Amino acid sequence: MNKRIIINTEFIATHSWPGCDIKEVDYLKHEHRHTFKVCLKFNVSHNDRDIEFIVEKRKIDNLLQKHFANKHLGARSCEDIAEELLLHFNAEYVSVSEDGENGAEVWR
């Protein structure tokens, strides 16, 4: 049986897509705001958890507040943010969405 813990959090930031060449959404070239919704999953090996999710969520929120929240993230995409978090926290899975609607997933 496989087991994972799930941590959900969010942060507010702005980003832009300067290289956008799609006429219908060319407004994305300019800085715009989102509430980025984040989900991280970590494998655990037993029911008492190898990773306490409250402690891990604090670590994640601290990093998000320090490096992402209320900042202009430049041209970083949801994929970029998810990959950074996956690697930094050694997670098995990360999803990042814009306002809980559209987004990206990365996993090992």
PDB file of N, CA and C in Angstrom:
ATOM      1  N   MET A   1       0.839  -1.179   0.000  1.00  0.00           N
ATOM      2  CA  MET A   1       0.000   0.000   0.000  1.00  0.00           C
ATOM      3  C   MET A   1       0.881   1.239   0.000  1.00  0.00           C
ATOM      4  N   ASN A   2       0.561   2.189  -0.847  1.00  0.00           N
ATOM      5  CA  ASN A   2       1.289   3.449  -0.916  1.00  0.00           C
ATOM      6  C   ASN A   2       0.550   4.507  -0.118  1.00  0.00           C
ATOM      7  N   LYS A   3       1.303   5.380   0.552  1.00  0.00           N
ATOM      8  CA  LYS A   3       0.718   6.444   1.359  1.00  0.00           C
ATOM      9  C   LYS A   3       1.422   7.753   1.062  1.00  0.00           C
ATOM     10  N   ARG A   4       0.628   8.816   1.030  1.00  0.00           N
ATOM     11  CA  ARG A   4       1.180  10.154   0.833  1.00  0.00           C
ATOM     12  C   ARG A   4       0.465  11.112   1.766  1.00  0.00           C
ATOM     13  N   ILE A   5       1.199  12.155   2.150  1.00  0.00           N
ATOM     14  CA  ILE A   5       0.540  13.275   2.802  1.00  0.00           C
ATOM     15  C   ILE A   5       0.359  14.373   1.751  1.00  0.00           C
ATOM     16  N   ILE A   6      -0.647  15.186   1.962  1.00  0.00           N
ATOM     17  CA  ILE A   6      -0.990  16.244   1.019  1.00  0.00           C
ATOM     18  C   ILE A   6      -0.983  17.570   1.770  1.00  0.00           C
ATOM     19  N   ILE A   7      -0.310  18.556   1.201  1.00  0.00           N
ATOM     20  CA  ILE A   7      -0.262  19.889   1.797  1.00  0.00           C
ATOM     21  C   ILE A   7      -0.767  20.880   0.758  1.00  0.00           C
ATOM     22  N   ASN A   8      -1.793  21.638   1.130  1.00  0.00           N
ATOM     23  CA  ASN A   8      -2.358  22.682   0.271  1.00  0.00           C
ATOM     24  C   ASN A   8      -2.111  24.038   0.897  1.00  0.00           C
ATOM     25  N   THR A   9      -1.709  24.981   0.070  1.00  0.00           N
ATOM     26  CA  THR A   9      -1.476  26.342   0.542  1.00  0.00           C
ATOM     27  C   THR A   9      -1.638  27.292  -0.635  1.00  0.00           C
ATOM     28  N   GLU A  10      -1.401  28.565  -0.419  1.00  0.00           N
ATOM     29  CA  GLU A  10      -1.525  29.545  -1.500  1.00  0.00           C
ATOM     30  C   GLU A  10      -0.717  30.786  -1.183  1.00  0.00           C
ATOM     31  N   PHE A  11      -0.479  31.562  -2.217  1.00  0.00           N
ATOM     32  CA  PHE A  11       0.178  32.859  -2.055  1.00  0.00           C
ATOM     33  C   PHE A  11      -0.267  33.771  -3.178  1.00  0.00           C
ATOM     34  N   ILE A  12      -0.166  35.063  -2.940  1.00  0.00           N
ATOM     35  CA  ILE A  12      -0.524  36.072  -3.942  1.00  0.00           C
ATOM     36  C   ILE A  12       0.761  36.662  -4.509  1.00  0.00           C
ATOM     37  N   ALA A  13       0.790  36.784  -5.829  1.00  0.00           N
ATOM     38  CA  ALA A  13       1.950  37.373  -6.504  1.00  0.00           C
ATOM     39  C   ALA A  13       1.515  37.813  -7.898  1.00  0.00           C
ATOM     40  N   THR A  14       2.420  38.487  -8.581  1.00  0.00           N
ATOM     41  CA  THR A  14       2.184  38.860  -9.972  1.00  0.00           C
ATOM     42  C   THR A  14       3.245  38.198 -10.846  1.00  0.00           C
ATOM     43  N   HIS A  15       2.918  38.050 -12.105  1.00  0.00           N
ATOM     44  CA  HIS A  15       3.895  37.584 -13.094  1.00  0.00           C
ATOM     45  C   HIS A  15       3.470  38.101 -14.455  1.00  0.00           C
ATOM     46  N   SER A  16       4.270  37.793 -15.455  1.00  0.00           N
ATOM     47  CA  SER A  16       3.964  38.209 -16.824  1.00  0.00           C
ATOM     48  C   SER A  16       4.547  37.185 -17.783  1.00  0.00           C
ATOM     49  N   TRP A  17       4.101  37.252 -19.016  1.00  0.00           N
ATOM     50  CA  TRP A  17       4.603  36.376 -20.072  1.00  0.00           C
ATOM     51  C   TRP A  17       5.026  37.266 -21.237  1.00  0.00           C
ATOM     52  N   PRO A  18       6.218  37.872 -21.120  1.00  0.00           N
ATOM     53  CA  PRO A  18       6.657  38.838 -22.139  1.00  0.00           C
ATOM     54  C   PRO A  18       6.712  38.254 -23.549  1.00  0.00           C
ATOM     55  N   GLY A  19       6.946  36.969 -23.667  1.00  0.00           N
ATOM     56  CA  GLY A  19       7.071  36.344 -24.982  1.00  0.00           C
ATOM     57  C   GLY A  19       5.772  35.839 -25.573  1.00  0.00           C
ATOM     58  N   CYS A  20       4.660  36.173 -24.976  1.00  0.00           N
ATOM     59  CA  CYS A  20       3.361  35.690 -25.475  1.00  0.00           C
ATOM     60  C   CYS A  20       3.135  36.174 -26.908  1.00  0.00           C
ATOM     61  N   ASP A  21       2.882  35.230 -27.809  1.00  0.00           N
ATOM     62  CA  ASP A  21       2.601  35.597 -29.200  1.00  0.00           C
ATOM     63  C   ASP A  21       1.202  35.127 -29.623  1.00  0.00           C
ATOM     64  N   ILE A  22       0.328  34.943 -28.651  1.00  0.00           N
ATOM     65  CA  ILE A  22      -1.046  34.513 -28.912  1.00  0.00           C
ATOM     66  C   ILE A  22      -1.945  35.744 -28.798  1.00  0.00           C
ATOM     67  N   LYS A  23      -2.474  36.184 -29.916  1.00  0.00           N
ATOM     68  CA  LYS A  23      -3.216  37.445 -29.963  1.00  0.00           C
ATOM     69  C   LYS A  23      -4.366  37.498 -28.950  1.00  0.00           C
ATOM     70  N   GLU A  24      -5.107  36.404 -28.790  1.00  0.00           N
ATOM     71  CA  GLU A  24      -6.276  36.397 -27.908  1.00  0.00           C
ATOM     72  C   GLU A  24      -5.929  36.666 -26.450  1.00  0.00           C
ATOM     73  N   VAL A  25      -4.695  36.402 -26.062  1.00  0.00           N
ATOM     74  CA  VAL A  25      -4.295  36.575 -24.659  1.00  0.00           C
ATOM     75  C   VAL A  25      -3.018  37.417 -24.553  1.00  0.00           C
ATOM     76  N   ASP A  26      -2.821  38.338 -25.484  1.00  0.00           N
ATOM     77  CA  ASP A  26      -1.584  39.127 -25.462  1.00  0.00           C
ATOM     78  C   ASP A  26      -1.485  40.044 -24.247  1.00  0.00           C
ATOM     79  N   TYR A  27      -2.580  40.223 -23.505  1.00  0.00           N
ATOM     80  CA  TYR A  27      -2.524  40.986 -22.249  1.00  0.00           C
ATOM     81  C   TYR A  27      -1.642  40.296 -21.213  1.00  0.00           C
ATOM     82  N   LEU A  28      -1.372  39.006 -21.409  1.00  0.00           N
ATOM     83  CA  LEU A  28      -0.510  38.281 -20.470  1.00  0.00           C
ATOM     84  C   LEU A  28       0.938  38.763 -20.529  1.00  0.00           C
ATOM     85  N   LYS A  29       1.274  39.541 -21.552  1.00  0.00           N
ATOM     86  CA  LYS A  29       2.613  40.124 -21.644  1.00  0.00           C
ATOM     87  C   LYS A  29       2.879  41.079 -20.481  1.00  0.00           C
ATOM     88  N   HIS A  30       1.811  41.618 -19.923  1.00  0.00           N
ATOM     89  CA  HIS A  30       1.923  42.628 -18.867  1.00  0.00           C
ATOM     90  C   HIS A  30       1.756  41.992 -17.489  1.00  0.00           C
ATOM     91  N   GLU A  31       2.321  42.627 -16.509  1.00  0.00           N
ATOM     92  CA  GLU A  31       2.238  42.137 -15.134  1.00  0.00           C
ATOM     93  C   GLU A  31       0.771  42.020 -14.705  1.00  0.00           C
ATOM     94  N   HIS A  32       0.415  40.863 -14.155  1.00  0.00           N
ATOM     95  CA  HIS A  32      -0.936  40.636 -13.672  1.00  0.00           C
ATOM     96  C   HIS A  32      -0.901  39.762 -12.415  1.00  0.00           C
ATOM     97  N   ARG A  33      -1.931  39.892 -11.598  1.00  0.00           N
ATOM     98  CA  ARG A  33      -1.989  39.292 -10.262  1.00  0.00           C
ATOM     99  C   ARG A  33      -2.763  37.974 -10.271  1.00  0.00           C
ATOM    100  N   HIS A  34      -2.293  37.049  -9.417  1.00  0.00           N
ATOM    101  CA  HIS A  34      -2.996  35.784  -9.185  1.00  0.00           C
ATOM    102  C   HIS A  34      -2.885  35.409  -7.717  1.00  0.00           C
ATOM    103  N   THR A  35      -3.847  34.627  -7.271  1.00  0.00           N
ATOM    104  CA  THR A  35      -3.678  33.835  -6.063  1.00  0.00           C
ATOM    105  C   THR A  35      -3.232  32.467  -6.555  1.00  0.00           C
ATOM    106  N   PHE A  36      -1.965  32.155  -6.341  1.00  0.00           N
ATOM    107  CA  PHE A  36      -1.419  30.873  -6.775  1.00  0.00           C
ATOM    108  C   PHE A  36      -1.764  29.819  -5.725  1.00  0.00           C
ATOM    109  N   LYS A  37      -2.496  28.791  -6.141  1.00  0.00           N
ATOM    110  CA  LYS A  37      -2.868  27.678  -5.277  1.00  0.00           C
ATOM    111  C   LYS A  37      -1.826  26.584  -5.477  1.00  0.00           C
ATOM    112  N   VAL A  38      -1.324  26.055  -4.366  1.00  0.00           N
ATOM    113  CA  VAL A  38      -0.214  25.112  -4.407  1.00  0.00           C
ATOM    114  C   VAL A  38      -0.596  23.837  -3.665  1.00  0.00           C
ATOM    115  N   CYS A  39      -0.271  22.701  -4.241  1.00  0.00           N
ATOM    116  CA  CYS A  39      -0.469  21.407  -3.588  1.00  0.00           C
ATOM    117  C   CYS A  39       0.827  20.616  -3.716  1.00  0.00           C
ATOM    118  N   LEU A  40       1.337  20.136  -2.584  1.00  0.00           N
ATOM    119  CA  LEU A  40       2.513  19.275  -2.571  1.00  0.00           C
ATOM    120  C   LEU A  40       2.132  17.937  -1.957  1.00  0.00           C
ATOM    121  N   LYS A  41       2.691  16.857  -2.502  1.00  0.00           N
ATOM    122  CA  LYS A  41       2.463  15.512  -1.967  1.00  0.00           C
ATOM    123  C   LYS A  41       3.808  14.868  -1.661  1.00  0.00           C
ATOM    124  N   PHE A  42       3.848  14.190  -0.511  1.00  0.00           N
ATOM    125  CA  PHE A  42       5.066  13.525  -0.048  1.00  0.00           C
ATOM    126  C   PHE A  42       4.741  12.083   0.306  1.00  0.00           C
ATOM    127  N   ASN A  43       5.581  11.154  -0.124  1.00  0.00           N
ATOM    128  CA  ASN A  43       5.416   9.763   0.269  1.00  0.00           C
ATOM    129  C   ASN A  43       5.751   9.592   1.740  1.00  0.00           C
ATOM    130  N   VAL A  44       4.979   8.771   2.419  1.00  0.00           N
ATOM    131  CA  VAL A  44       5.275   8.364   3.798  1.00  0.00           C
ATOM    132  C   VAL A  44       5.171   6.855   3.854  1.00  0.00           C
ATOM    133  N   SER A  45       5.822   6.258   4.841  1.00  0.00           N
ATOM    134  CA  SER A  45       5.884   4.796   4.876  1.00  0.00           C
ATOM    135  C   SER A  45       5.024   4.152   5.953  1.00  0.00           C
ATOM    136  N   HIS A  46       4.435   4.951   6.833  1.00  0.00           N
ATOM    137  CA  HIS A  46       3.599   4.369   7.885  1.00  0.00           C
ATOM    138  C   HIS A  46       2.538   5.359   8.341  1.00  0.00           C
ATOM    139  N   ASN A  47       1.597   4.884   9.127  1.00  0.00           N
ATOM    140  CA  ASN A  47       0.438   5.692   9.507  1.00  0.00           C
ATOM    141  C   ASN A  47       0.745   6.767  10.535  1.00  0.00           C
ATOM    142  N   ASP A  48       1.887   6.710  11.181  1.00  0.00           N
ATOM    143  CA  ASP A  48       2.290   7.780  12.094  1.00  0.00           C
ATOM    144  C   ASP A  48       3.072   8.867  11.366  1.00  0.00           C
ATOM    145  N   ARG A  49       3.173   8.739  10.075  1.00  0.00           N
ATOM    146  CA  ARG A  49       3.796   9.713   9.185  1.00  0.00           C
ATOM    147  C   ARG A  49       5.291   9.922   9.439  1.00  0.00           C
ATOM    148  N   ASP A  50       6.055   9.789   8.378  1.00  0.00           N
ATOM    149  CA  ASP A  50       7.482  10.121   8.402  1.00  0.00           C
ATOM    150  C   ASP A  50       7.657  11.636   8.417  1.00  0.00           C
ATOM    151  N   ILE A  51       6.669  12.325   7.865  1.00  0.00           N
ATOM    152  CA  ILE A  51       6.694  13.788   7.748  1.00  0.00           C
ATOM    153  C   ILE A  51       5.413  14.301   8.390  1.00  0.00           C
ATOM    154  N   GLU A  52       5.549  15.164   9.366  1.00  0.00           N
ATOM    155  CA  GLU A  52       4.361  15.762   9.985  1.00  0.00           C
ATOM    156  C   GLU A  52       3.888  16.908   9.099  1.00  0.00           C
ATOM    157  N   PHE A  53       2.658  16.822   8.594  1.00  0.00           N
ATOM    158  CA  PHE A  53       2.242  17.817   7.607  1.00  0.00           C
ATOM    159  C   PHE A  53       2.117  19.222   8.144  1.00  0.00           C
ATOM    160  N   ILE A  54       1.832  19.405   9.407  1.00  0.00           N
ATOM    161  CA  ILE A  54       1.771  20.769   9.964  1.00  0.00           C
ATOM    162  C   ILE A  54       3.162  21.412   9.943  1.00  0.00           C
ATOM    163  N   VAL A  55       4.162  20.640  10.329  1.00  0.00           N
ATOM    164  CA  VAL A  55       5.546  21.141  10.333  1.00  0.00           C
ATOM    165  C   VAL A  55       6.008  21.428   8.908  1.00  0.00           C
ATOM    166  N   GLU A  56       5.711  20.521   7.992  1.00  0.00           N
ATOM    167  CA  GLU A  56       6.141  20.705   6.599  1.00  0.00           C
ATOM    168  C   GLU A  56       5.416  21.899   5.969  1.00  0.00           C
ATOM    169  N   LYS A  57       4.129  22.067   6.276  1.00  0.00           N
ATOM    170  CA  LYS A  57       3.379  23.208   5.741  1.00  0.00           C
ATOM    171  C   LYS A  57       3.994  24.521   6.207  1.00  0.00           C
ATOM    172  N   ARG A  58       4.436  24.585   7.462  1.00  0.00           N
ATOM    173  CA  ARG A  58       5.099  25.800   7.951  1.00  0.00           C
ATOM    174  C   ARG A  58       6.359  26.092   7.147  1.00  0.00           C
ATOM    175  N   LYS A  59       7.148  25.050   6.846  1.00  0.00           N
ATOM    176  CA  LYS A  59       8.365  25.236   6.051  1.00  0.00           C
ATOM    177  C   LYS A  59       8.021  25.758   4.653  1.00  0.00           C
ATOM    178  N   ILE A  60       6.999  25.173   4.055  1.00  0.00           N
ATOM    179  CA  ILE A  60       6.588  25.583   2.710  1.00  0.00           C
ATOM    180  C   ILE A  60       6.089  27.022   2.730  1.00  0.00           C
ATOM    181  N   ASP A  61       5.205  27.333   3.682  1.00  0.00           N
ATOM    182  CA  ASP A  61       4.671  28.694   3.773  1.00  0.00           C
ATOM    183  C   ASP A  61       5.774  29.716   4.031  1.00  0.00           C
ATOM    184  N   ASN A  62       6.744  29.367   4.854  1.00  0.00           N
ATOM    185  CA  ASN A  62       7.863  30.282   5.111  1.00  0.00           C
ATOM    186  C   ASN A  62       8.631  30.577   3.828  1.00  0.00           C
ATOM    187  N   LEU A  63       8.913  29.546   3.054  1.00  0.00           N
ATOM    188  CA  LEU A  63       9.636  29.749   1.789  1.00  0.00           C
ATOM    189  C   LEU A  63       8.790  30.577   0.819  1.00  0.00           C
ATOM    190  N   LEU A  64       7.504  30.260   0.715  1.00  0.00           N
ATOM    191  CA  LEU A  64       6.639  31.013  -0.189  1.00  0.00           C
ATOM    192  C   LEU A  64       6.574  32.478   0.199  1.00  0.00           C
ATOM    193  N   GLN A  65       6.441  32.758   1.484  1.00  0.00           N
ATOM    194  CA  GLN A  65       6.385  34.147   1.944  1.00  0.00           C
ATOM    195  C   GLN A  65       7.691  34.885   1.658  1.00  0.00           C
ATOM    196  N   LYS A  66       8.789  34.203   1.834  1.00  0.00           N
ATOM    197  CA  LYS A  66      10.101  34.839   1.658  1.00  0.00           C
ATOM    198  C   LYS A  66      10.446  35.082   0.187  1.00  0.00           C
ATOM    199  N   HIS A  67      10.120  34.130  -0.683  1.00  0.00           N
ATOM    200  CA  HIS A  67      10.615  34.186  -2.061  1.00  0.00           C
ATOM    201  C   HIS A  67       9.555  34.422  -3.133  1.00  0.00           C
ATOM    202  N   PHE A  68       8.276  34.262  -2.809  1.00  0.00           N
ATOM    203  CA  PHE A  68       7.254  34.346  -3.844  1.00  0.00           C
ATOM    204  C   PHE A  68       6.145  35.355  -3.530  1.00  0.00           C
ATOM    205  N   ALA A  69       5.628  35.342  -2.312  1.00  0.00           N
ATOM    206  CA  ALA A  69       4.428  36.110  -1.980  1.00  0.00           C
ATOM    207  C   ALA A  69       4.649  37.612  -2.127  1.00  0.00           C
ATOM    208  N   ASN A  70       3.664  38.254  -2.711  1.00  0.00           N
ATOM    209  CA  ASN A  70       3.655  39.708  -2.879  1.00  0.00           C
ATOM    210  C   ASN A  70       4.849  40.229  -3.673  1.00  0.00           C
ATOM    211  N   LYS A  71       5.342  39.411  -4.574  1.00  0.00           N
ATOM    212  CA  LYS A  71       6.466  39.789  -5.424  1.00  0.00           C
ATOM    213  C   LYS A  71       6.040  39.673  -6.888  1.00  0.00           C
ATOM    214  N   HIS A  72       6.785  40.352  -7.761  1.00  0.00           N
ATOM    215  CA  HIS A  72       6.626  40.125  -9.191  1.00  0.00           C
ATOM    216  C   HIS A  72       7.563  38.988  -9.557  1.00  0.00           C
ATOM    217  N   LEU A  73       7.018  37.889 -10.027  1.00  0.00           N
ATOM    218  CA  LEU A  73       7.793  36.681 -10.296  1.00  0.00           C
ATOM    219  C   LEU A  73       8.402  36.672 -11.687  1.00  0.00           C
ATOM    220  N   GLY A  74       8.315  37.805 -12.373  1.00  0.00           N
ATOM    221  CA  GLY A  74       8.871  37.864 -13.717  1.00  0.00           C
ATOM    222  C   GLY A  74       8.094  36.958 -14.648  1.00  0.00           C
ATOM    223  N   ALA A  75       8.802  36.234 -15.473  1.00  0.00           N
ATOM    224  CA  ALA A  75       8.176  35.361 -16.466  1.00  0.00           C
ATOM    225  C   ALA A  75       7.980  33.936 -15.948  1.00  0.00           C
ATOM    226  N   ARG A  76       8.116  33.718 -14.645  1.00  0.00           N
ATOM    227  CA  ARG A  76       7.921  32.366 -14.102  1.00  0.00           C
ATOM    228  C   ARG A  76       6.494  31.886 -14.380  1.00  0.00           C
ATOM    229  N   SER A  77       6.399  30.681 -14.889  1.00  0.00           N
ATOM    230  CA  SER A  77       5.107  30.053 -15.152  1.00  0.00           C
ATOM    231  C   SER A  77       4.727  29.155 -13.976  1.00  0.00           C
ATOM    232  N   CYS A  78       3.520  28.622 -14.017  1.00  0.00           N
ATOM    233  CA  CYS A  78       3.115  27.644 -12.997  1.00  0.00           C
ATOM    234  C   CYS A  78       4.063  26.448 -13.016  1.00  0.00           C
ATOM    235  N   GLU A  79       4.477  26.033 -14.208  1.00  0.00           N
ATOM    236  CA  GLU A  79       5.419  24.915 -14.325  1.00  0.00           C
ATOM    237  C   GLU A  79       6.747  25.246 -13.639  1.00  0.00           C
ATOM    238  N   ASP A  80       7.234  26.468 -13.840  1.00  0.00           N
ATOM    239  CA  ASP A  80       8.492  26.883 -13.209  1.00  0.00           C
ATOM    240  C   ASP A  80       8.387  26.838 -11.685  1.00  0.00           C
ATOM    241  N   ILE A  81       7.310  27.393 -11.161  1.00  0.00           N
ATOM    242  CA  ILE A  81       7.122  27.439  -9.708  1.00  0.00           C
ATOM    243  C   ILE A  81       7.001  26.030  -9.149  1.00  0.00           C
ATOM    244  N   ALA A  82       6.204  25.186  -9.808  1.00  0.00           N
ATOM    245  CA  ALA A  82       6.017  23.811  -9.349  1.00  0.00           C
ATOM    246  C   ALA A  82       7.338  23.044  -9.331  1.00  0.00           C
ATOM    247  N   GLU A  83       8.124  23.212 -10.375  1.00  0.00           N
ATOM    248  CA  GLU A  83       9.419  22.518 -10.444  1.00  0.00           C
ATOM    249  C   GLU A  83      10.355  22.989  -9.337  1.00  0.00           C
ATOM    250  N   GLU A  84      10.392  24.299  -9.091  1.00  0.00           N
ATOM    251  CA  GLU A  84      11.233  24.822  -8.007  1.00  0.00           C
ATOM    252  C   GLU A  84      10.832  24.220  -6.665  1.00  0.00           C
ATOM    253  N   LEU A  85       9.532  24.147  -6.405  1.00  0.00           N
ATOM    254  CA  LEU A  85       9.060  23.606  -5.127  1.00  0.00           C
ATOM    255  C   LEU A  85       9.316  22.107  -5.024  1.00  0.00           C
ATOM    256  N   LEU A  86       9.105  21.381  -6.119  1.00  0.00           N
ATOM    257  CA  LEU A  86       9.359  19.936  -6.129  1.00  0.00           C
ATOM    258  C   LEU A  86      10.805  19.645  -5.750  1.00  0.00           C
ATOM    259  N   LEU A  87      11.723  20.374  -6.368  1.00  0.00           N
ATOM    260  CA  LEU A  87      13.148  20.147  -6.116  1.00  0.00           C
ATOM    261  C   LEU A  87      13.561  20.622  -4.723  1.00  0.00           C
ATOM    262  N   HIS A  88      13.081  21.779  -4.311  1.00  0.00           N
ATOM    263  CA  HIS A  88      13.480  22.325  -3.013  1.00  0.00           C
ATOM    264  C   HIS A  88      13.017  21.449  -1.850  1.00  0.00           C
ATOM    265  N   PHE A  89      11.776  20.957  -1.934  1.00  0.00           N
ATOM    266  CA  PHE A  89      11.216  20.187  -0.824  1.00  0.00           C
ATOM    267  C   PHE A  89      11.296  18.682  -1.027  1.00  0.00           C
ATOM    268  N   ASN A  90      11.880  18.245  -2.136  1.00  0.00           N
ATOM    269  CA  ASN A  90      12.005  16.823  -2.439  1.00  0.00           C
ATOM    270  C   ASN A  90      10.636  16.138  -2.386  1.00  0.00           C
ATOM    271  N   ALA A  91       9.633  16.813  -2.924  1.00  0.00           N
ATOM    272  CA  ALA A  91       8.275  16.273  -2.953  1.00  0.00           C
ATOM    273  C   ALA A  91       8.147  15.261  -4.084  1.00  0.00           C
ATOM    274  N   GLU A  92       7.091  14.483  -4.036  1.00  0.00           N
ATOM    275  CA  GLU A  92       6.792  13.531  -5.108  1.00  0.00           C
ATOM    276  C   GLU A  92       5.930  14.168  -6.189  1.00  0.00           C
ATOM    277  N   TYR A  93       5.176  15.201  -5.804  1.00  0.00           N
ATOM    278  CA  TYR A  93       4.209  15.813  -6.712  1.00  0.00           C
ATOM    279  C   TYR A  93       3.975  17.247  -6.267  1.00  0.00           C
ATOM    280  N   VAL A  94       3.852  18.161  -7.231  1.00  0.00           N
ATOM    281  CA  VAL A  94       3.478  19.546  -6.927  1.00  0.00           C
ATOM    282  C   VAL A  94       2.560  20.036  -8.044  1.00  0.00           C
ATOM    283  N   SER A  95       1.480  20.701  -7.648  1.00  0.00           N
ATOM    284  CA  SER A  95       0.655  21.414  -8.622  1.00  0.00           C
ATOM    285  C   SER A  95       0.591  22.876  -8.215  1.00  0.00           C
ATOM    286  N   VAL A  96       0.551  23.731  -9.213  1.00  0.00           N
ATOM    287  CA  VAL A  96       0.400  25.171  -8.999  1.00  0.00           C
ATOM    288  C   VAL A  96      -0.639  25.651  -9.992  1.00  0.00           C
ATOM    289  N   SER A  97      -1.670  26.336  -9.470  1.00  0.00           N
ATOM    290  CA  SER A  97      -2.691  26.873 -10.358  1.00  0.00           C
ATOM    291  C   SER A  97      -2.849  28.371 -10.137  1.00  0.00           C
ATOM    292  N   GLU A  98      -3.374  29.011 -11.147  1.00  0.00           N
ATOM    293  CA  GLU A  98      -3.675  30.436 -11.075  1.00  0.00           C
ATOM    294  C   GLU A  98      -5.130  30.579 -10.643  1.00  0.00           C
ATOM    295  N   ASP A  99      -5.312  31.072  -9.434  1.00  0.00           N
ATOM    296  CA  ASP A  99      -6.642  31.335  -8.896  1.00  0.00           C
ATOM    297  C   ASP A  99      -7.493  30.067  -8.759  1.00  0.00           C
ATOM    298  N   GLY A 100      -6.847  28.911  -8.619  1.00  0.00           N
ATOM    299  CA  GLY A 100      -7.567  27.657  -8.464  1.00  0.00           C
ATOM    300  C   GLY A 100      -8.233  27.167  -9.736  1.00  0.00           C
ATOM    301  N   GLU A 101      -7.877  27.759 -10.872  1.00  0.00           N
ATOM    302  CA  GLU A 101      -8.513  27.376 -12.135  1.00  0.00           C
ATOM    303  C   GLU A 101      -7.561  26.561 -13.012  1.00  0.00           C
ATOM    304  N   ASN A 102      -6.679  27.232 -13.722  1.00  0.00           N
ATOM    305  CA  ASN A 102      -5.771  26.579 -14.646  1.00  0.00           C
ATOM    306  C   ASN A 102      -4.389  26.532 -14.042  1.00  0.00           C
ATOM    307  N   GLY A 103      -3.646  25.471 -14.328  1.00  0.00           N
ATOM    308  CA  GLY A 103      -2.327  25.374 -13.745  1.00  0.00           C
ATOM    309  C   GLY A 103      -1.515  24.241 -14.340  1.00  0.00           C
ATOM    310  N   ALA A 104      -0.539  23.798 -13.564  1.00  0.00           N
ATOM    311  CA  ALA A 104       0.388  22.781 -14.036  1.00  0.00           C
ATOM    312  C   ALA A 104       0.737  21.833 -12.898  1.00  0.00           C
ATOM    313  N   GLU A 105       1.148  20.621 -13.285  1.00  0.00           N
ATOM    314  CA  GLU A 105       1.586  19.608 -12.331  1.00  0.00           C
ATOM    315  C   GLU A 105       2.968  19.111 -12.736  1.00  0.00           C
ATOM    316  N   VAL A 106       3.764  18.803 -11.746  1.00  0.00           N
ATOM    317  CA  VAL A 106       5.039  18.106 -11.968  1.00  0.00           C
ATOM    318  C   VAL A 106       5.134  16.985 -10.925  1.00  0.00           C
ATOM    319  N   TRP A 107       5.763  15.895 -11.303  1.00  0.00           N
ATOM    320  CA  TRP A 107       5.925  14.789 -10.373  1.00  0.00           C
ATOM    321  C   TRP A 107       7.134  13.970 -10.761  1.00  0.00           C
ATOM    322  N   ARG A 108       7.546  13.149  -9.825  1.00  0.00           N
ATOM    323  CA  ARG A 108       8.710  12.262 -10.041  1.00  0.00           C
ATOM    324  C   ARG A 108       8.268  10.959 -10.652  1.00  0.00           C
TER     325      ARG A 108
END
